[in-house]
C-alpha atoms as a PDB file:
ATOM      1  CA  MET A   1     133.119-102.349 -81.885  1.00  0.00           C
ATOM      2  CA  ARG A   2     130.735 -99.667 -82.862  1.00  0.00           C
ATOM      3  CA  LYS A   3     130.740 -95.584 -81.319  1.00  0.00           C
ATOM      4  CA  VAL A   4     127.588 -94.961 -79.852  1.00  0.00           C
ATOM      5  CA  GLY A   5     126.756 -91.247 -80.175  1.00  0.00           C
ATOM      6  CA  SER A   6     125.859 -89.948 -76.887  1.00  0.00           C
ATOM      7  CA  LYS A   7     121.315 -88.251 -76.835  1.00  0.00           C
ATOM      8  CA  THR A   8     121.361 -84.846 -77.063  1.00  0.00           C
ATOM      9  CA  PRO A   9     118.991 -83.886 -73.759  1.00  0.00           C
ATOM     10  CA  ARG A  10     115.285 -82.849 -74.515  1.00  0.00           C
ATOM     11  CA  LEU A  11     114.561 -79.150 -73.962  1.00  0.00           C
ATOM     12  CA  ARG A  12     111.940 -79.259 -70.839  1.00  0.00           C
ATOM     13  CA  LEU A  13     111.222 -75.131 -70.354  1.00  0.00           C
ATOM     14  CA  ASP A  14     110.163 -74.023 -66.864  1.00  0.00           C
ATOM     15  CA  SER A  15     106.317 -72.707 -66.140  1.00  0.00           C
ATOM     16  CA  ASN A  16     107.145 -69.318 -67.790  1.00  0.00           C
ATOM     17  CA  CYS A  17     108.937 -69.732 -70.308  1.00  0.00           C
ATOM     18  CA  TYR A  18     106.578 -72.643 -71.398  1.00  0.00           C
ATOM     19  CA  ARG A  19     103.359 -70.578 -70.820  1.00  0.00           C
ATOM     20  CA  GLN A  20     104.967 -68.155 -73.201  1.00  0.00           C
ATOM     21  CA  LEU A  21     105.831 -70.287 -75.850  1.00  0.00           C
ATOM     22  CA  HIS A  22     102.225 -71.998 -75.155  1.00  0.00           C
ATOM     23  CA  ARG A  23     100.996 -68.359 -76.295  1.00  0.00           C
ATOM     24  CA  GLN A  24     103.372 -67.809 -79.448  1.00  0.00           C
ATOM     25  CA  VAL A  25     102.703 -71.222 -81.038  1.00  0.00           C
ATOM     26  CA  LEU A  26      98.648 -70.493 -80.370  1.00  0.00           C
ATOM     27  CA  GLU A  27      99.235 -67.081 -82.370  1.00  0.00           C
ATOM     28  CA  ARG A  28     101.812 -68.906 -85.069  1.00  0.00           C
ATOM     29  CA  ASP A  29      98.743 -71.149 -85.536  1.00  0.00           C
ATOM     30  CA  GLY A  30      96.146 -68.327 -85.752  1.00  0.00           C
ATOM     31  CA  TRP A  31      94.171 -69.967 -82.993  1.00  0.00           C
ATOM     32  CA  ARG A  32      92.867 -72.508 -85.066  1.00  0.00           C
ATOM     33  CA  CYS A  33      93.047 -76.789 -84.459  1.00  0.00           C
ATOM     34  CA  GLN A  34      95.527 -77.859 -87.156  1.00  0.00           C
ATOM     35  CA  THR A  35      93.747 -80.446 -87.671  1.00  0.00           C
ATOM     36  CA  CYS A  36      90.033 -79.358 -87.534  1.00  0.00           C
ATOM     37  CA  GLY A  37      90.134 -75.269 -87.947  1.00  0.00           C
ATOM     38  CA  SER A  38      88.009 -74.800 -84.660  1.00  0.00           C
ATOM     39  CA  MET A  39      88.870 -72.232 -82.272  1.00  0.00           C
ATOM     40  CA  GLN A  40      87.304 -73.321 -79.255  1.00  0.00           C
ATOM     41  CA  ASN A  41      89.047 -75.491 -76.106  1.00  0.00           C
ATOM     42  CA  LEU A  42      92.956 -74.732 -77.935  1.00  0.00           C
ATOM     43  CA  GLN A  43      95.470 -76.915 -76.563  1.00  0.00           C
ATOM     44  CA  VAL A  44      99.047 -77.425 -77.469  1.00  0.00           C
ATOM     45  CA  HIS A  45     100.128 -80.678 -78.367  1.00  0.00           C
ATOM     46  CA  HIS A  46     103.726 -82.034 -78.811  1.00  0.00           C
ATOM     47  CA  LEU A  47     104.246 -84.052 -81.625  1.00  0.00           C
ATOM     48  CA  LYS A  48     106.723 -86.040 -80.056  1.00  0.00           C
ATOM     49  CA  PHE A  49     105.752 -86.605 -76.893  1.00  0.00           C
ATOM     50  CA  ARG A  50     107.510 -85.782 -73.808  1.00  0.00           C
ATOM     51  CA  SER A  51     108.286 -89.488 -72.723  1.00  0.00           C
ATOM     52  CA  GLN A  52     109.752 -90.105 -76.485  1.00  0.00           C
ATOM     53  CA  SER A  53     112.453 -87.307 -75.411  1.00  0.00           C
ATOM     54  CA  GLY A  54     110.021 -84.937 -77.377  1.00  0.00           C
ATOM     55  CA  GLY A  55     111.465 -81.282 -76.428  1.00  0.00           C
ATOM     56  CA  ASP A  56     109.587 -78.281 -75.732  1.00  0.00           C
ATOM     57  CA  LYS A  57     110.362 -76.300 -79.001  1.00  0.00           C
ATOM     58  CA  GLU A  58     108.574 -74.647 -80.744  1.00  0.00           C
ATOM     59  CA  GLN A  59     108.774 -77.070 -84.382  1.00  0.00           C
ATOM     60  CA  ASN A  60     107.614 -79.724 -81.557  1.00  0.00           C
ATOM     61  CA  LEU A  61     103.961 -78.449 -80.566  1.00  0.00           C
ATOM     62  CA  ILE A  62     101.188 -78.228 -82.589  1.00  0.00           C
ATOM     63  CA  THR A  63      97.349 -76.285 -81.847  1.00  0.00           C
ATOM     64  CA  LEU A  64      94.798 -79.020 -81.181  1.00  0.00           C
ATOM     65  CA  TRP A  65      90.948 -78.571 -80.196  1.00  0.00           C
ATOM     66  CA  VAL A  66      90.883 -80.824 -77.232  1.00  0.00           C
ATOM     67  CA  GLU A  67      88.678 -83.107 -79.237  1.00  0.00           C
ATOM     68  CA  CYS A  68      91.159 -83.923 -81.852  1.00  0.00           C
ATOM     69  CA  HIS A  69      93.967 -83.754 -79.131  1.00  0.00           C
ATOM     70  CA  LEU A  70      92.572 -86.275 -77.465  1.00  0.00           C
ATOM     71  CA  ASP A  71      92.082 -88.143 -80.549  1.00  0.00           C
ATOM     72  CA  VAL A  72      95.777 -88.411 -80.938  1.00  0.00           C
ATOM     73  CA  HIS A  73      96.623 -89.598 -77.598  1.00  0.00           C
ATOM     74  CA  SER A  74      93.823 -92.603 -78.198  1.00  0.00           C
ATOM     75  CA  ARG A  75      95.199 -93.911 -81.024  1.00  0.00           C
ATOM     76  CA  ASP A  76      98.778 -93.885 -79.181  1.00  0.00           C
END
């Protein structure tokens, strides 16, 4: 019989910590969309969605312009 490992719970930050992380990601990405380079209407996107157990951690977040963000979600 195969032993099944336990899942690691995803990291979900409280609103204050998430706001700080959000700003940190924007600064890391130079306040530019990482797809098109726009510097307006920026949002932070989870590479692995929260609904798919993606955590609130810097390496799972990327800066996107609102239209690029919508494109990503319309493909999924």
